C-alpha atoms as a PDB file:
ATOM      1  CA  MET A   1      16.652-150.819 114.032  1.00  0.00           C
ATOM      2  CA  PRO A   2      13.531-148.923 115.149  1.00  0.00           C
ATOM      3  CA  GLY A   3      11.052-148.154 112.378  1.00  0.00           C
ATOM      4  CA  ARG A   4      11.527-144.399 112.320  1.00  0.00           C
ATOM      5  CA  TRP A   5      15.310-144.610 112.059  1.00  0.00           C
ATOM      6  CA  ALA A   6      15.105-147.271 109.366  1.00  0.00           C
ATOM      7  CA  ASP A   7      12.623-145.270 107.304  1.00  0.00           C
ATOM      8  CA  SER A   8      14.644-142.076 107.629  1.00  0.00           C
ATOM      9  CA  ILE A   9      17.897-143.767 106.652  1.00  0.00           C
ATOM     10  CA  GLU A  10      16.339-145.564 103.684  1.00  0.00           C
ATOM     11  CA  ARG A  11      14.830-142.282 102.419  1.00  0.00           C
ATOM     12  CA  THR A  12      18.036-140.269 102.702  1.00  0.00           C
ATOM     13  CA  VAL A  13      21.040-142.597 102.335  1.00  0.00           C
ATOM     14  CA  ALA A  14      21.939-144.371  99.099  1.00  0.00           C
ATOM     15  CA  PRO A  15      21.859-148.174  99.249  1.00  0.00           C
ATOM     16  CA  GLY A  16      25.333-149.613  99.731  1.00  0.00           C
ATOM     17  CA  ALA A  17      26.672-146.438 101.389  1.00  0.00           C
ATOM     18  CA  THR A  18      28.835-146.769 104.475  1.00  0.00           C
ATOM     19  CA  ILE A  19      27.424-145.131 107.593  1.00  0.00           C
ATOM     20  CA  ILE A  20      29.659-144.217 110.526  1.00  0.00           C
ATOM     21  CA  THR A  21      27.805-144.035 113.840  1.00  0.00           C
ATOM     22  CA  ASP A  22      28.369-144.310 117.537  1.00  0.00           C
ATOM     23  CA  ASP A  23      27.829-147.770 119.016  1.00  0.00           C
ATOM     24  CA  TRP A  24      24.145-147.389 119.889  1.00  0.00           C
ATOM     25  CA  SER A  25      22.491-150.800 119.565  1.00  0.00           C
ATOM     26  CA  GLY A  26      19.705-149.358 117.405  1.00  0.00           C
ATOM     27  CA  TYR A  27      22.130-149.113 114.479  1.00  0.00           C
ATOM     28  CA  ALA A  28      23.205-152.770 114.709  1.00  0.00           C
ATOM     29  CA  LYS A  29      21.025-153.939 111.818  1.00  0.00           C
ATOM     30  CA  LEU A  30      22.232-151.415 109.244  1.00  0.00           C
ATOM     31  CA  GLY A  31      24.299-154.167 107.605  1.00  0.00           C
ATOM     32  CA  GLU A  32      21.199-156.317 107.147  1.00  0.00           C
ATOM     33  CA  ARG A  33      19.548-153.455 105.270  1.00  0.00           C
ATOM     34  CA  GLY A  34      22.345-153.252 102.708  1.00  0.00           C
ATOM     35  CA  TYR A  35      24.523-150.528 104.233  1.00  0.00           C
ATOM     36  CA  GLY A  36      28.131-150.659 105.276  1.00  0.00           C
ATOM     37  CA  HIS A  37      28.281-149.839 108.984  1.00  0.00           C
ATOM     38  CA  ILE A  38      31.203-148.719 111.100  1.00  0.00           C
ATOM     39  CA  ALA A  39      30.279-148.392 114.780  1.00  0.00           C
ATOM     40  CA  ILE A  40      32.671-146.258 116.801  1.00  0.00           C
ATOM     41  CA  ALA A  41      32.724-146.928 120.545  1.00  0.00           C
ATOM     42  CA  GLN A  42      33.599-143.563 122.049  1.00  0.00           C
ATOM     43  CA  ARG A  43      33.196-144.491 125.714  1.00  0.00           C
ATOM     44  CA  GLY A  44      34.180-141.023 126.908  1.00  0.00           C
ATOM     45  CA  ASP A  45      37.391-140.814 124.860  1.00  0.00           C
ATOM     46  CA  MET A  46      37.271-137.427 123.118  1.00  0.00           C
ATOM     47  CA  GLN A  47      40.178-138.377 120.826  1.00  0.00           C
ATOM     48  CA  VAL A  48      38.102-141.233 119.392  1.00  0.00           C
ATOM     49  CA  ALA A  49      35.185-138.876 118.790  1.00  0.00           C
ATOM     50  CA  GLU A  50      37.389-136.271 117.136  1.00  0.00           C
ATOM     51  CA  THR A  51      39.132-138.849 114.926  1.00  0.00           C
ATOM     52  CA  PHE A  52      36.060-140.675 113.645  1.00  0.00           C
ATOM     53  CA  LEU A  53      33.222-138.201 114.113  1.00  0.00           C
ATOM     54  CA  PRO A  54      34.942-134.824 113.654  1.00  0.00           C
ATOM     55  CA  ILE A  55      33.184-131.802 115.112  1.00  0.00           C
ATOM     56  CA  ILE A  56      29.969-133.758 115.729  1.00  0.00           C
ATOM     57  CA  HIS A  57      29.661-132.507 119.302  1.00  0.00           C
ATOM     58  CA  LEU A  58      30.159-128.933 118.128  1.00  0.00           C
ATOM     59  CA  VAL A  59      27.440-129.329 115.485  1.00  0.00           C
ATOM     60  CA  PHE A  60      24.818-130.642 117.892  1.00  0.00           C
ATOM     61  CA  SER A  61      25.750-128.170 120.613  1.00  0.00           C
ATOM     62  CA  ASN A  62      25.395-125.290 118.161  1.00  0.00           C
ATOM     63  CA  LEU A  63      22.120-126.688 116.819  1.00  0.00           C
ATOM     64  CA  LYS A  64      20.570-127.015 120.281  1.00  0.00           C
ATOM     65  CA  THR A  65      21.762-123.545 121.306  1.00  0.00           C
ATOM     66  CA  TRP A  66      20.438-122.036 118.071  1.00  0.00           C
ATOM     67  CA  LEU A  67      17.025-123.716 118.383  1.00  0.00           C
ATOM     68  CA  ARG A  68      16.615-122.815 122.055  1.00  0.00           C
ATOM     69  CA  GLY A  69      18.010-119.308 121.770  1.00  0.00           C
ATOM     70  CA  ILE A  70      16.509-117.998 118.567  1.00  0.00           C
ATOM     71  CA  HIS A  71      13.407-120.096 118.126  1.00  0.00           C
ATOM     72  CA  HIS A  72      12.709-121.070 121.773  1.00  0.00           C
ATOM     73  CA  GLY A  73      11.936-124.618 120.677  1.00  0.00           C
ATOM     74  CA  VAL A  74      10.569-126.137 117.506  1.00  0.00           C
ATOM     75  CA  SER A  75       7.417-128.060 116.707  1.00  0.00           C
ATOM     76  CA  PRO A  76       7.718-131.318 114.732  1.00  0.00           C
ATOM     77  CA  GLN A  77       5.763-129.660 111.918  1.00  0.00           C
ATOM     78  CA  HIS A  78       8.551-127.119 111.274  1.00  0.00           C
ATOM     79  CA  LEU A  79      11.606-129.089 112.390  1.00  0.00           C
ATOM     80  CA  GLN A  80      12.844-129.992 108.885  1.00  0.00           C
ATOM     81  CA  ALA A  81      12.695-126.355 107.750  1.00  0.00           C
ATOM     82  CA  TYR A  82      14.777-125.280 110.756  1.00  0.00           C
ATOM     83  CA  LEU A  83      17.267-128.105 110.171  1.00  0.00           C
ATOM     84  CA  ASN A  84      17.587-127.043 106.525  1.00  0.00           C
ATOM     85  CA  GLU A  85      18.310-123.458 107.562  1.00  0.00           C
ATOM     86  CA  PHE A  86      20.830-124.542 110.197  1.00  0.00           C
ATOM     87  CA  THR A  87      22.582-126.797 107.663  1.00  0.00           C
ATOM     88  CA  PHE A  88      22.734-123.969 105.113  1.00  0.00           C
ATOM     89  CA  ARG A  89      24.230-121.581 107.669  1.00  0.00           C
ATOM     90  CA  PHE A  90      26.626-124.129 109.166  1.00  0.00           C
ATOM     91  CA  ASN A  91      28.054-125.209 105.815  1.00  0.00           C
ATOM     92  CA  ARG A  92      28.825-121.588 104.972  1.00  0.00           C
ATOM     93  CA  SER A  93      30.150-120.571 108.394  1.00  0.00           C
ATOM     94  CA  PHE A  94      33.741-121.603 107.635  1.00  0.00           C
ATOM     95  CA  TYR A  95      34.019-119.129 104.743  1.00  0.00           C
ATOM     96  CA  PRO A  96      32.803-115.652 105.763  1.00  0.00           C
ATOM     97  CA  PHE A  97      32.864-114.236 102.237  1.00  0.00           C
ATOM     98  CA  ASN A  98      30.359-116.838 101.061  1.00  0.00           C
ATOM     99  CA  ALA A  99      27.717-114.815 102.884  1.00  0.00           C
ATOM    100  CA  PHE A 100      28.114-112.161 100.182  1.00  0.00           C
ATOM    101  CA  ARG A 101      28.243-114.634  97.309  1.00  0.00           C
ATOM    102  CA  SER A 102      25.408-116.937  98.330  1.00  0.00           C
ATOM    103  CA  PRO A 103      22.389-114.593  98.108  1.00  0.00           C
ATOM    104  CA  SER A 104      23.118-113.624  94.522  1.00  0.00           C
ATOM    105  CA  LEU A 105      23.828-117.221  93.515  1.00  0.00           C
ATOM    106  CA  VAL A 106      20.833-118.661  95.320  1.00  0.00           C
ATOM    107  CA  THR A 107      18.406-116.113  93.915  1.00  0.00           C
ATOM    108  CA  SER A 108      19.692-116.255  90.334  1.00  0.00           C
ATOM    109  CA  PRO A 109      17.780-118.989  88.510  1.00  0.00           C
ATOM    110  CA  GLY A 110      19.798-121.082  86.112  1.00  0.00           C
ATOM    111  CA  ARG A 111      23.225-119.886  87.281  1.00  0.00           C
ATOM    112  CA  PRO A 112      25.437-122.746  88.433  1.00  0.00           C
ATOM    113  CA  MET A 113      27.643-122.469  91.482  1.00  0.00           C
ATOM    114  CA  PRO A 114      31.189-121.536  90.451  1.00  0.00           C
ATOM    115  CA  ASN A 115      33.848-124.225  90.747  1.00  0.00           C
ATOM    116  CA  SER A 116      36.090-121.759  92.545  1.00  0.00           C
ATOM    117  CA  MET A 117      33.809-121.702  95.584  1.00  0.00           C
ATOM    118  CA  PRO A 118      35.686-123.241  98.535  1.00  0.00           C
ATOM    119  CA  LYS A 119      34.461-126.574  99.785  1.00  0.00           C
ATOM    120  CA  ASN A 120      33.673-127.209 103.439  1.00  0.00           C
ATOM    121  CA  ARG A 121      35.967-129.918 104.803  1.00  0.00           C
ATOM    122  CA  TYR A 122      33.158-131.395 106.919  1.00  0.00           C
ATOM    123  CA  PRO A 123      29.854-130.602 105.171  1.00  0.00           C
ATOM    124  CA  LEU A 124      26.797-131.211 107.282  1.00  0.00           C
ATOM    125  CA  HIS A 125      23.874-133.185 105.850  1.00  0.00           C
ATOM    126  CA  ILE A 126      20.696-133.416 107.895  1.00  0.00           C
END
């Protein structure tokens, strides 16, 4: 596994977690680093992608369109901030009324999120 990928995964994924990826050879050594690894060979079969990696193509298509359209590109210095914003917006896009709830909850220190808030079926973590 290339150094950057390995470092990023070790910083953000709990040891022992199972990671589902495509079958790129760079992920082959995840098992040696203490992670469960399920490699899905898509090979152009959209049903395989939709079954094992639901909406992944939609997520990346929307991300690229958003970065190119609104921000006209992103420098490496600010990439994580833009990914955080995209993730925040994407995870709330399935429930339109959360747009009205979120600002008051986010800006109120010490107030926990209510348990009644709907959960996103496919939360995005970048």
